[in-house]
Amino acid sequence: MSEVIVFGYPQSTYVRTVRMSLEEKRIPYALEPIDLKAPEYRKRHPFAKMPAFQHGNVKLYETSAITRYIDEVVDGASLQPTDTTARADMNRWISAINDYLYAAMVRRYVLEYVFPSGKDGAPDRDKINAAMEDIGYQLGVLDGDLDGRKYLAGDSLSLADLFLAPIAYYLSNMPESRQALENVNNVKAWHDAMAQRPSYTQTVPPPPPGA
């Protein structure tokens, strides 16, 4: 198989989603750091985000496109359900994670610890409290959907789980969200199971500041 390269930083949840997909499919790859502001990187990702991806002559950006390509280019256990309803559930959760959960859980909460905006370089407690209110609601929705399910799209792992797992990792290591996870048994059981998968353990990033 041609060389596979992932461009980005291991702390990025989206980079980790791509890496977990590659690990699940047992595809060797290289992780290459980037400079988002560099003109040459714009040739890989015109919107200067991460990750970007290369497999031989194939060059992609956007995590949804990359992970679907990874799943379809290699034989083996599929990361996308064949059942129509289960596949719709997978797509529903990928969309919800990208549109709602990432904004509250990562952009408004985790990154407030990484890049504090409060007085004297401390995290802004008002921002954290506001984010946690939304996160608590979102965890409740997740918990209800996982009731009686092993994974987000049913009984088999799907790409939806690989989009959520890197975010859940950060939540499990941050003070307020770690406590919130104790109140959603289905989400906690799902994350505990995900944390045992080799794709999860082999892609754990350096801890963020403030964790």
Protein backbone atom coordinates (compact mmCIF):
# COMPACT_ATOMS: atom_id res chain seq x y z
CA MET A 1 0.00 0.00 0.00
CA SER A 2 1.24 3.50 -0.82
CA GLU A 3 2.47 5.60 2.08
CA VAL A 4 -0.24 7.23 4.17
CA ILE A 5 0.49 10.58 5.80
CA VAL A 6 -1.68 12.48 8.26
CA PHE A 7 -0.85 16.17 8.57
CA GLY A 8 -1.66 17.78 11.91
CA TYR A 9 -1.03 17.71 15.64
CA PRO A 10 -1.88 14.81 17.95
CA GLN A 11 -3.78 17.10 20.35
CA SER A 12 -6.44 17.79 17.70
CA THR A 13 -9.55 15.66 18.18
CA TYR A 14 -10.09 15.54 14.42
CA VAL A 15 -6.52 14.42 13.78
CA ARG A 16 -7.04 11.72 16.37
CA THR A 17 -10.28 10.60 14.72
CA VAL A 18 -8.37 10.04 11.49
CA ARG A 19 -5.58 8.24 13.33
CA MET A 20 -8.05 6.01 15.17
CA SER A 21 -9.69 5.14 11.86
CA LEU A 22 -6.31 4.12 10.45
CA GLU A 23 -5.53 2.08 13.57
CA GLU A 24 -8.91 0.31 13.39
CA LYS A 25 -8.20 -0.61 9.75
CA ARG A 26 -4.59 -1.52 10.63
CA ILE A 27 -3.16 0.86 8.06
CA PRO A 28 0.42 2.07 8.73
CA TYR A 29 0.80 5.82 8.54
CA ALA A 30 3.07 8.73 9.38
CA LEU A 31 1.97 11.76 11.41
CA GLU A 32 3.56 14.94 10.13
CA PRO A 33 3.42 18.23 12.08
CA ILE A 34 2.34 21.35 10.24
CA ASP A 35 2.41 25.12 10.25
CA LEU A 36 -1.17 26.22 9.67
CA LYS A 37 0.01 29.64 8.48
CA ALA A 38 2.49 28.32 5.95
CA PRO A 39 1.53 28.92 2.30
CA GLU A 40 2.58 25.38 1.40
CA TYR A 41 0.07 23.94 3.87
CA ARG A 42 -2.71 25.93 2.20
CA LYS A 43 -2.07 23.76 -0.83
CA ARG A 44 -3.10 20.77 1.28
CA HIS A 45 -5.95 22.45 3.15
CA PRO A 46 -7.14 25.72 1.57
CA PHE A 47 -9.04 26.64 4.76
CA ALA A 48 -5.94 26.18 6.99
CA LYS A 49 -7.45 23.61 9.34
CA MET A 50 -6.34 20.13 10.31
CA PRO A 51 -6.02 17.35 9.43
CA ALA A 52 -4.94 16.98 5.85
CA PHE A 53 -4.27 13.56 4.39
CA GLN A 54 -2.29 11.91 1.64
CA HIS A 55 -2.32 8.35 0.33
CA GLY A 56 -0.06 8.07 -2.69
CA ASN A 57 -1.50 10.53 -5.21
CA VAL A 58 -4.74 10.96 -3.26
CA LYS A 59 -4.85 14.19 -1.25
CA LEU A 60 -7.81 14.99 0.99
CA TYR A 61 -8.97 17.34 3.71
CA GLU A 62 -12.06 17.32 5.99
CA THR A 63 -12.25 14.50 8.52
CA SER A 64 -15.55 13.07 7.28
CA ALA A 65 -14.17 12.63 3.78
CA ILE A 66 -10.86 11.26 5.01
CA THR A 67 -12.35 8.67 7.36
CA ARG A 68 -14.84 7.41 4.77
CA TYR A 69 -12.01 7.07 2.27
CA ILE A 70 -9.93 5.16 4.82
CA ASP A 71 -12.80 2.78 5.51
CA GLU A 72 -13.56 2.13 1.86
CA VAL A 73 -10.04 1.84 0.46
CA VAL A 74 -9.08 -1.15 2.62
CA ASP A 75 -10.94 -4.45 3.05
CA GLY A 76 -11.80 -5.73 6.49
CA ALA A 77 -14.27 -4.83 9.20
CA SER A 78 -16.28 -1.84 8.02
CA LEU A 79 -16.53 1.34 10.08
CA GLN A 80 -19.81 2.22 8.36
CA PRO A 81 -22.94 0.13 8.98
CA THR A 82 -24.57 -1.58 6.02
CA ASP A 83 -28.00 -1.37 7.67
CA THR A 84 -29.77 1.77 6.44
CA THR A 85 -31.07 2.86 9.84
CA ALA A 86 -27.77 2.24 11.61
CA ARG A 87 -25.90 4.18 8.92
CA ALA A 88 -28.36 7.05 9.33
CA ASP A 89 -27.70 6.97 13.09
CA MET A 90 -23.97 7.13 12.42
CA ASN A 91 -24.37 10.10 10.08
CA ARG A 92 -26.77 11.81 12.49
CA TRP A 93 -24.24 11.63 15.30
CA ILE A 94 -21.28 12.68 13.17
CA SER A 95 -23.27 15.74 12.13
CA ALA A 96 -24.34 16.49 15.72
CA ILE A 97 -20.79 16.10 17.02
CA ASN A 98 -19.42 18.44 14.35
CA ASP A 99 -22.19 21.02 14.66
CA TYR A 100 -23.02 21.05 18.38
CA LEU A 101 -20.89 18.91 20.69
CA TYR A 102 -17.49 20.05 19.42
CA ALA A 103 -18.44 23.71 19.84
CA ALA A 104 -19.46 23.34 23.48
CA MET A 105 -17.11 20.60 24.62
CA VAL A 106 -13.90 21.59 22.87
CA ARG A 107 -14.08 25.14 21.59
CA ARG A 108 -15.90 26.67 24.57
CA TYR A 109 -14.75 24.37 27.38
CA VAL A 110 -11.50 22.45 26.81
CA LEU A 111 -9.83 25.32 24.95
CA GLU A 112 -10.70 27.72 27.77
CA TYR A 113 -8.27 25.70 29.88
CA VAL A 114 -5.70 25.47 27.09
CA PHE A 115 -5.90 29.18 26.21
CA PRO A 116 -7.35 30.87 29.32
CA SER A 117 -9.12 34.17 28.71
CA GLY A 118 -9.83 35.16 32.33
CA LYS A 119 -8.10 37.59 34.62
CA ASP A 120 -4.42 36.95 35.37
CA GLY A 121 -4.24 34.16 32.82
CA ALA A 122 -6.80 31.99 34.60
CA PRO A 123 -9.72 30.25 32.90
CA ASP A 124 -12.86 32.39 32.69
CA ARG A 125 -15.25 30.72 35.14
CA ASP A 126 -18.33 32.30 33.59
CA LYS A 127 -17.44 30.85 30.20
CA ILE A 128 -16.73 27.44 31.70
CA ASN A 129 -19.99 27.42 33.64
CA ALA A 130 -21.97 28.42 30.55
CA ALA A 131 -20.28 25.72 28.49
CA MET A 132 -20.90 23.10 31.17
CA GLU A 133 -24.60 23.89 31.16
CA ASP A 134 -24.74 22.98 27.47
CA ILE A 135 -22.40 20.03 27.92
CA GLY A 136 -24.60 18.61 30.68
CA TYR A 137 -27.58 18.71 28.34
CA GLN A 138 -25.61 17.16 25.47
CA LEU A 139 -24.33 14.35 27.69
CA GLY A 140 -27.91 13.66 28.67
CA VAL A 141 -28.92 13.32 25.01
CA LEU A 142 -25.98 10.98 24.40
CA ASP A 143 -26.85 8.95 27.48
CA GLY A 144 -30.41 8.45 26.29
CA ASP A 145 -29.29 7.39 22.82
CA LEU A 146 -26.79 4.90 24.27
CA ASP A 147 -29.41 3.25 26.46
CA GLY A 148 -29.41 -0.40 25.37
CA ARG A 149 -26.69 0.21 22.79
CA LYS A 150 -23.03 -0.63 22.86
CA TYR A 151 -22.07 2.03 20.31
CA LEU A 152 -23.64 5.18 18.86
CA ALA A 153 -24.96 3.39 15.76
CA GLY A 154 -25.91 0.11 17.43
CA ASP A 155 -23.94 -2.99 18.34
CA SER A 156 -20.92 -2.34 16.11
CA LEU A 157 -18.25 0.34 16.20
CA SER A 158 -18.72 3.05 13.59
CA LEU A 159 -17.09 6.29 12.51
CA ALA A 160 -19.44 8.15 14.87
CA ASP A 161 -17.70 6.57 17.86
CA LEU A 162 -14.33 7.62 16.47
CA PHE A 163 -15.50 11.22 16.16
CA LEU A 164 -16.72 11.29 19.77
CA ALA A 165 -13.99 9.30 21.53
CA PRO A 166 -11.23 11.96 21.24
CA ILE A 167 -13.60 14.57 22.69
CA ALA A 168 -14.68 12.25 25.49
CA TYR A 169 -11.01 11.68 26.32
CA TYR A 170 -10.60 15.36 27.10
CA LEU A 171 -13.84 15.48 29.06
CA SER A 172 -12.64 12.56 31.18
CA ASN A 173 -9.52 14.54 32.07
CA MET A 174 -11.00 17.96 32.83
CA PRO A 175 -12.40 18.73 36.31
CA GLU A 176 -16.03 19.75 35.74
CA SER A 177 -16.68 17.42 32.83
CA ARG A 178 -15.04 14.49 34.59
CA GLN A 179 -17.61 14.90 37.35
CA ALA A 180 -20.41 15.29 34.80
CA LEU A 181 -19.47 11.97 33.21
CA GLU A 182 -20.12 10.25 36.52
CA ASN A 183 -23.79 11.19 36.16
CA VAL A 184 -24.31 9.59 32.73
CA ASN A 185 -23.76 5.88 33.19
CA ASN A 186 -24.32 4.89 29.57
CA VAL A 187 -21.84 7.46 28.25
CA LYS A 188 -19.31 6.49 30.90
CA ALA A 189 -19.65 2.78 30.06
CA TRP A 190 -19.27 3.58 26.36
CA HIS A 191 -16.14 5.65 26.98
CA ASP A 192 -14.67 3.03 29.30
CA ALA A 193 -15.11 0.45 26.53
CA MET A 194 -13.64 2.76 23.90
CA ALA A 195 -10.64 3.45 26.15
CA GLN A 196 -9.76 -0.24 26.01
CA ARG A 197 -9.49 -0.35 22.23
CA PRO A 198 -5.95 -0.33 20.80
CA SER A 199 -6.92 2.49 18.43
CA TYR A 200 -7.65 4.65 21.48
CA THR A 201 -4.65 3.70 23.60
CA GLN A 202 -2.19 4.06 20.71
CA THR A 203 -3.33 7.60 19.86
CA VAL A 204 -3.52 9.22 23.30
CA PRO A 205 -2.22 12.80 22.90
CA PRO A 206 -0.11 14.80 25.32
CA PRO A 207 -2.40 16.22 28.05
CA PRO A 208 -3.64 19.79 27.51
CA PRO A 209 -2.48 22.52 29.91
CA GLY A 210 -4.72 22.88 32.94
CA ALA A 211 -5.89 19.27 32.92
